[in-house]
Amino acid sequence: MKKLIIILLCFSFIGFGQNPNYSEDIAPIIYNKCLQCHHSGGISPLPLETYANAVSNAGMI
């Protein structure tokens, strides 16, 4: 029983060490929540349409 608990605890921590991927994890959030205003010609002066835009403005996001 103790071995099972230890194994389950170890597997739960493995998932926390993964790095996010921009195209799979970050871009969908930006596209769904931010691009209504944050696009070229939009009401916000901070465009977030591309990866380069998001990286260059990461400190303000």
PDB file of N, CA and C in Angstrom:
ATOM      1  N   MET A   1       0.824  -1.195   0.000  1.00  0.00           N
ATOM      2  CA  MET A   1       0.000   0.000   0.000  1.00  0.00           C
ATOM      3  C   MET A   1       0.866   1.257   0.000  1.00  0.00           C
ATOM      4  N   LYS A   2       1.949   1.257   0.784  1.00  0.00           N
ATOM      5  CA  LYS A   2       2.832   2.415   0.827  1.00  0.00           C
ATOM      6  C   LYS A   2       3.484   2.654  -0.533  1.00  0.00           C
ATOM      7  N   LYS A   3       3.837   1.568  -1.212  1.00  0.00           N
ATOM      8  CA  LYS A   3       4.455   1.708  -2.536  1.00  0.00           C
ATOM      9  C   LYS A   3       3.487   2.351  -3.514  1.00  0.00           C
ATOM     10  N   LEU A   4       2.236   1.986  -3.454  1.00  0.00           N
ATOM     11  CA  LEU A   4       1.227   2.559  -4.344  1.00  0.00           C
ATOM     12  C   LEU A   4       1.077   4.054  -4.101  1.00  0.00           C
ATOM     13  N   ILE A   5       1.043   4.458  -2.850  1.00  0.00           N
ATOM     14  CA  ILE A   5       0.910   5.880  -2.516  1.00  0.00           C
ATOM     15  C   ILE A   5       2.132   6.659  -3.001  1.00  0.00           C
ATOM     16  N   ILE A   6       3.302   6.104  -2.817  1.00  0.00           N
ATOM     17  CA  ILE A   6       4.528   6.770  -3.269  1.00  0.00           C
ATOM     18  C   ILE A   6       4.541   6.892  -4.782  1.00  0.00           C
ATOM     19  N   ILE A   7       4.146   5.852  -5.481  1.00  0.00           N
ATOM     20  CA  ILE A   7       4.100   5.890  -6.946  1.00  0.00           C
ATOM     21  C   ILE A   7       3.104   6.936  -7.426  1.00  0.00           C
ATOM     22  N   LEU A   8       1.937   6.991  -6.823  1.00  0.00           N
ATOM     23  CA  LEU A   8       0.935   7.979  -7.223  1.00  0.00           C
ATOM     24  C   LEU A   8       1.410   9.400  -6.963  1.00  0.00           C
ATOM     25  N   LEU A   9       2.089   9.631  -5.872  1.00  0.00           N
ATOM     26  CA  LEU A   9       2.628  10.962  -5.572  1.00  0.00           C
ATOM     27  C   LEU A   9       3.697  11.357  -6.570  1.00  0.00           C
ATOM     28  N   CYS A  10       4.539  10.424  -6.948  1.00  0.00           N
ATOM     29  CA  CYS A  10       5.601  10.720  -7.920  1.00  0.00           C
ATOM     30  C   CYS A  10       5.013  11.075  -9.280  1.00  0.00           C
ATOM     31  N   PHE A  11       4.003  10.353  -9.717  1.00  0.00           N
ATOM     32  CA  PHE A  11       3.402  10.639 -11.012  1.00  0.00           C
ATOM     33  C   PHE A  11       2.666  11.970 -11.016  1.00  0.00           C
ATOM     34  N   SER A  12       2.120  12.384  -9.906  1.00  0.00           N
ATOM     35  CA  SER A  12       1.423  13.667  -9.868  1.00  0.00           C
ATOM     36  C   SER A  12       2.393  14.828  -9.997  1.00  0.00           C
ATOM     37  N   PHE A  13       3.612  14.681  -9.517  1.00  0.00           N
ATOM     38  CA  PHE A  13       4.596  15.757  -9.611  1.00  0.00           C
ATOM     39  C   PHE A  13       5.258  15.823 -10.983  1.00  0.00           C
ATOM     40  N   ILE A  14       5.259  14.744 -11.726  1.00  0.00           N
ATOM     41  CA  ILE A  14       5.864  14.735 -13.059  1.00  0.00           C
ATOM     42  C   ILE A  14       5.134  15.708 -13.978  1.00  0.00           C
ATOM     43  N   GLY A  15       3.827  15.791 -13.891  1.00  0.00           N
ATOM     44  CA  GLY A  15       3.046  16.679 -14.743  1.00  0.00           C
ATOM     45  C   GLY A  15       3.317  18.146 -14.497  1.00  0.00           C
ATOM     46  N   PHE A  16       3.750  18.524 -13.307  1.00  0.00           N
ATOM     47  CA  PHE A  16       4.007  19.924 -12.999  1.00  0.00           C
ATOM     48  C   PHE A  16       5.306  20.434 -13.606  1.00  0.00           C
ATOM     49  N   GLY A  17       6.203  19.564 -14.010  1.00  0.00           N
ATOM     50  CA  GLY A  17       7.493  19.973 -14.535  1.00  0.00           C
ATOM     51  C   GLY A  17       7.505  20.254 -16.026  1.00  0.00           C
ATOM     52  N   GLN A  18       6.372  20.159 -16.695  1.00  0.00           N
ATOM     53  CA  GLN A  18       6.335  20.345 -18.138  1.00  0.00           C
ATOM     54  C   GLN A  18       6.334  21.822 -18.498  1.00  0.00           C
ATOM     55  N   ASN A  19       7.012  22.150 -19.591  1.00  0.00           N
ATOM     56  CA  ASN A  19       7.061  23.528 -20.072  1.00  0.00           C
ATOM     57  C   ASN A  19       5.889  23.789 -21.009  1.00  0.00           C
ATOM     58  N   PRO A  20       5.291  24.960 -20.916  1.00  0.00           N
ATOM     59  CA  PRO A  20       4.190  25.270 -21.835  1.00  0.00           C
ATOM     60  C   PRO A  20       4.716  25.497 -23.254  1.00  0.00           C
ATOM     61  N   ASN A  21       3.909  25.178 -24.215  1.00  0.00           N
ATOM     62  CA  ASN A  21       4.220  25.376 -25.624  1.00  0.00           C
ATOM     63  C   ASN A  21       3.365  26.550 -26.109  1.00  0.00           C
ATOM     64  N   TYR A  22       3.970  27.527 -26.790  1.00  0.00           N
ATOM     65  CA  TYR A  22       3.223  28.712 -27.193  1.00  0.00           C
ATOM     66  C   TYR A  22       2.025  28.362 -28.078  1.00  0.00           C
ATOM     67  N   SER A  23       2.253  27.585 -29.117  1.00  0.00           N
ATOM     68  CA  SER A  23       1.174  27.329 -30.078  1.00  0.00           C
ATOM     69  C   SER A  23       0.045  26.473 -29.508  1.00  0.00           C
ATOM     70  N   GLU A  24       0.356  25.624 -28.538  1.00  0.00           N
ATOM     71  CA  GLU A  24      -0.678  24.754 -27.966  1.00  0.00           C
ATOM     72  C   GLU A  24      -1.299  25.305 -26.686  1.00  0.00           C
ATOM     73  N   ASP A  25      -0.525  26.035 -25.898  1.00  0.00           N
ATOM     74  CA  ASP A  25      -0.990  26.454 -24.573  1.00  0.00           C
ATOM     75  C   ASP A  25      -1.288  27.950 -24.467  1.00  0.00           C
ATOM     76  N   ILE A  26      -0.457  28.784 -25.058  1.00  0.00           N
ATOM     77  CA  ILE A  26      -0.571  30.237 -24.890  1.00  0.00           C
ATOM     78  C   ILE A  26      -1.417  30.877 -25.992  1.00  0.00           C
ATOM     79  N   ALA A  27      -1.140  30.543 -27.243  1.00  0.00           N
ATOM     80  CA  ALA A  27      -1.843  31.167 -28.364  1.00  0.00           C
ATOM     81  C   ALA A  27      -3.363  31.027 -28.290  1.00  0.00           C
ATOM     82  N   PRO A  28      -3.910  29.873 -27.937  1.00  0.00           N
ATOM     83  CA  PRO A  28      -5.379  29.790 -27.844  1.00  0.00           C
ATOM     84  C   PRO A  28      -5.978  30.763 -26.828  1.00  0.00           C
ATOM     85  N   ILE A  29      -5.280  30.995 -25.726  1.00  0.00           N
ATOM     86  CA  ILE A  29      -5.773  31.946 -24.733  1.00  0.00           C
ATOM     87  C   ILE A  29      -5.752  33.354 -25.306  1.00  0.00           C
ATOM     88  N   ILE A  30      -4.636  33.727 -25.935  1.00  0.00           N
ATOM     89  CA  ILE A  30      -4.529  35.071 -26.520  1.00  0.00           C
ATOM     90  C   ILE A  30      -5.573  35.259 -27.611  1.00  0.00           C
ATOM     91  N   TYR A  31      -5.736  34.275 -28.491  1.00  0.00           N
ATOM     92  CA  TYR A  31      -6.701  34.397 -29.585  1.00  0.00           C
ATOM     93  C   TYR A  31      -8.130  34.516 -29.077  1.00  0.00           C
ATOM     94  N   ASN A  32      -8.463  33.768 -28.024  1.00  0.00           N
ATOM     95  CA  ASN A  32      -9.843  33.780 -27.521  1.00  0.00           C
ATOM     96  C   ASN A  32     -10.153  34.943 -26.593  1.00  0.00           C
ATOM     97  N   LYS A  33      -9.151  35.452 -25.884  1.00  0.00           N
ATOM     98  CA  LYS A  33      -9.417  36.459 -24.860  1.00  0.00           C
ATOM     99  C   LYS A  33      -8.876  37.857 -25.189  1.00  0.00           C
ATOM    100  N   CYS A  34      -7.903  37.968 -26.073  1.00  0.00           N
ATOM    101  CA  CYS A  34      -7.198  39.244 -26.219  1.00  0.00           C
ATOM    102  C   CYS A  34      -7.335  39.890 -27.602  1.00  0.00           C
ATOM    103  N   LEU A  35      -7.470  39.086 -28.642  1.00  0.00           N
ATOM    104  CA  LEU A  35      -7.408  39.647 -29.996  1.00  0.00           C
ATOM    105  C   LEU A  35      -8.624  40.476 -30.400  1.00  0.00           C
ATOM    106  N   GLN A  36      -9.682  40.470 -29.598  1.00  0.00           N
ATOM    107  CA  GLN A  36     -10.807  41.340 -29.930  1.00  0.00           C
ATOM    108  C   GLN A  36     -10.349  42.797 -29.942  1.00  0.00           C
ATOM    109  N   CYS A  37      -9.431  43.144 -29.066  1.00  0.00           N
ATOM    110  CA  CYS A  37      -8.927  44.522 -28.970  1.00  0.00           C
ATOM    111  C   CYS A  37      -7.468  44.642 -29.396  1.00  0.00           C
ATOM    112  N   HIS A  38      -6.670  43.601 -29.146  1.00  0.00           N
ATOM    113  CA  HIS A  38      -5.223  43.657 -29.374  1.00  0.00           C
ATOM    114  C   HIS A  38      -4.850  43.128 -30.756  1.00  0.00           C
ATOM    115  N   HIS A  39      -5.246  43.855 -31.794  1.00  0.00           N
ATOM    116  CA  HIS A  39      -4.865  43.516 -33.163  1.00  0.00           C
ATOM    117  C   HIS A  39      -4.509  44.810 -33.892  1.00  0.00           C
ATOM    118  N   SER A  40      -3.866  44.695 -35.034  1.00  0.00           N
ATOM    119  CA  SER A  40      -3.497  45.883 -35.804  1.00  0.00           C
ATOM    120  C   SER A  40      -4.753  46.650 -36.168  1.00  0.00           C
ATOM    121  N   GLY A  41      -4.779  47.927 -35.824  1.00  0.00           N
ATOM    122  CA  GLY A  41      -5.948  48.748 -36.095  1.00  0.00           C
ATOM    123  C   GLY A  41      -7.022  48.636 -35.029  1.00  0.00           C
ATOM    124  N   GLY A  42      -6.784  47.852 -33.984  1.00  0.00           N
ATOM    125  CA  GLY A  42      -7.754  47.687 -32.910  1.00  0.00           C
ATOM    126  C   GLY A  42      -7.700  48.846 -31.932  1.00  0.00           C
ATOM    127  N   ILE A  43      -8.544  48.804 -30.921  1.00  0.00           N
ATOM    128  CA  ILE A  43      -8.602  49.906 -29.972  1.00  0.00           C
ATOM    129  C   ILE A  43      -7.425  49.908 -29.004  1.00  0.00           C
ATOM    130  N   SER A  44      -6.668  48.812 -28.940  1.00  0.00           N
ATOM    131  CA  SER A  44      -5.495  48.742 -28.073  1.00  0.00           C
ATOM    132  C   SER A  44      -4.234  49.000 -28.897  1.00  0.00           C
ATOM    133  N   PRO A  45      -3.302  49.778 -28.371  1.00  0.00           N
ATOM    134  CA  PRO A  45      -2.062  50.041 -29.108  1.00  0.00           C
ATOM    135  C   PRO A  45      -1.058  48.887 -29.040  1.00  0.00           C
ATOM    136  N   LEU A  46      -1.403  47.819 -28.353  1.00  0.00           N
ATOM    137  CA  LEU A  46      -0.499  46.691 -28.143  1.00  0.00           C
ATOM    138  C   LEU A  46      -0.977  45.484 -28.959  1.00  0.00           C
ATOM    139  N   PRO A  47      -0.439  45.281 -30.179  1.00  0.00           N
ATOM    140  CA  PRO A  47      -0.884  44.128 -30.974  1.00  0.00           C
ATOM    141  C   PRO A  47      -0.297  42.821 -30.433  1.00  0.00           C
ATOM    142  N   LEU A  48      -1.106  41.780 -30.425  1.00  0.00           N
ATOM    143  CA  LEU A  48      -0.673  40.458 -29.956  1.00  0.00           C
ATOM    144  C   LEU A  48      -0.996  39.378 -30.990  1.00  0.00           C
ATOM    145  N   GLU A  49      -0.954  39.724 -32.251  1.00  0.00           N
ATOM    146  CA  GLU A  49      -1.373  38.803 -33.307  1.00  0.00           C
ATOM    147  C   GLU A  49      -0.369  37.696 -33.584  1.00  0.00           C
ATOM    148  N   THR A  50       0.902  37.939 -33.349  1.00  0.00           N
ATOM    149  CA  THR A  50       1.930  36.949 -33.674  1.00  0.00           C
ATOM    150  C   THR A  50       2.749  36.602 -32.438  1.00  0.00           C
ATOM    151  N   TYR A  51       3.513  35.541 -32.560  1.00  0.00           N
ATOM    152  CA  TYR A  51       4.418  35.144 -31.483  1.00  0.00           C
ATOM    153  C   TYR A  51       5.416  36.260 -31.201  1.00  0.00           C
ATOM    154  N   ALA A  52       5.959  36.866 -32.260  1.00  0.00           N
ATOM    155  CA  ALA A  52       6.932  37.945 -32.083  1.00  0.00           C
ATOM    156  C   ALA A  52       6.319  39.119 -31.321  1.00  0.00           C
ATOM    157  N   ASN A  53       5.074  39.467 -31.628  1.00  0.00           N
ATOM    158  CA  ASN A  53       4.393  40.540 -30.896  1.00  0.00           C
ATOM    159  C   ASN A  53       4.246  40.172 -29.420  1.00  0.00           C
ATOM    160  N   ALA A  54       3.832  38.964 -29.154  1.00  0.00           N
ATOM    161  CA  ALA A  54       3.618  38.532 -27.773  1.00  0.00           C
ATOM    162  C   ALA A  54       4.936  38.513 -26.995  1.00  0.00           C
ATOM    163  N   VAL A  55       6.013  38.041 -27.614  1.00  0.00           N
ATOM    164  CA  VAL A  55       7.300  37.989 -26.939  1.00  0.00           C
ATOM    165  C   VAL A  55       7.839  39.387 -26.669  1.00  0.00           C
ATOM    166  N   SER A  56       7.724  40.270 -27.644  1.00  0.00           N
ATOM    167  CA  SER A  56       8.264  41.614 -27.449  1.00  0.00           C
ATOM    168  C   SER A  56       7.465  42.407 -26.412  1.00  0.00           C
ATOM    169  N   ASN A  57       6.214  42.029 -26.162  1.00  0.00           N
ATOM    170  CA  ASN A  57       5.379  42.723 -25.180  1.00  0.00           C
ATOM    171  C   ASN A  57       5.102  41.872 -23.949  1.00  0.00           C
ATOM    172  N   ALA A  58       5.894  40.834 -23.736  1.00  0.00           N
ATOM    173  CA  ALA A  58       5.649  39.877 -22.639  1.00  0.00           C
ATOM    174  C   ALA A  58       5.636  40.558 -21.273  1.00  0.00           C
ATOM    175  N   GLY A  59       6.446  41.573 -21.080  1.00  0.00           N
ATOM    176  CA  GLY A  59       6.480  42.255 -19.797  1.00  0.00           C
ATOM    177  C   GLY A  59       5.197  42.984 -19.461  1.00  0.00           C
ATOM    178  N   MET A  60       4.420  43.327 -20.460  1.00  0.00           N
ATOM    179  CA  MET A  60       3.173  44.053 -20.233  1.00  0.00           C
ATOM    180  C   MET A  60       1.937  43.157 -20.226  1.00  0.00           C
ATOM    181  N   ILE A  61       2.127  41.895 -20.642  1.00  0.00           N
ATOM    182  CA  ILE A  61       0.970  40.982 -20.700  1.00  0.00           C
ATOM    183  C   ILE A  61       0.643  40.507 -19.312  1.00  0.00           C
TER     184      ILE A  61
END
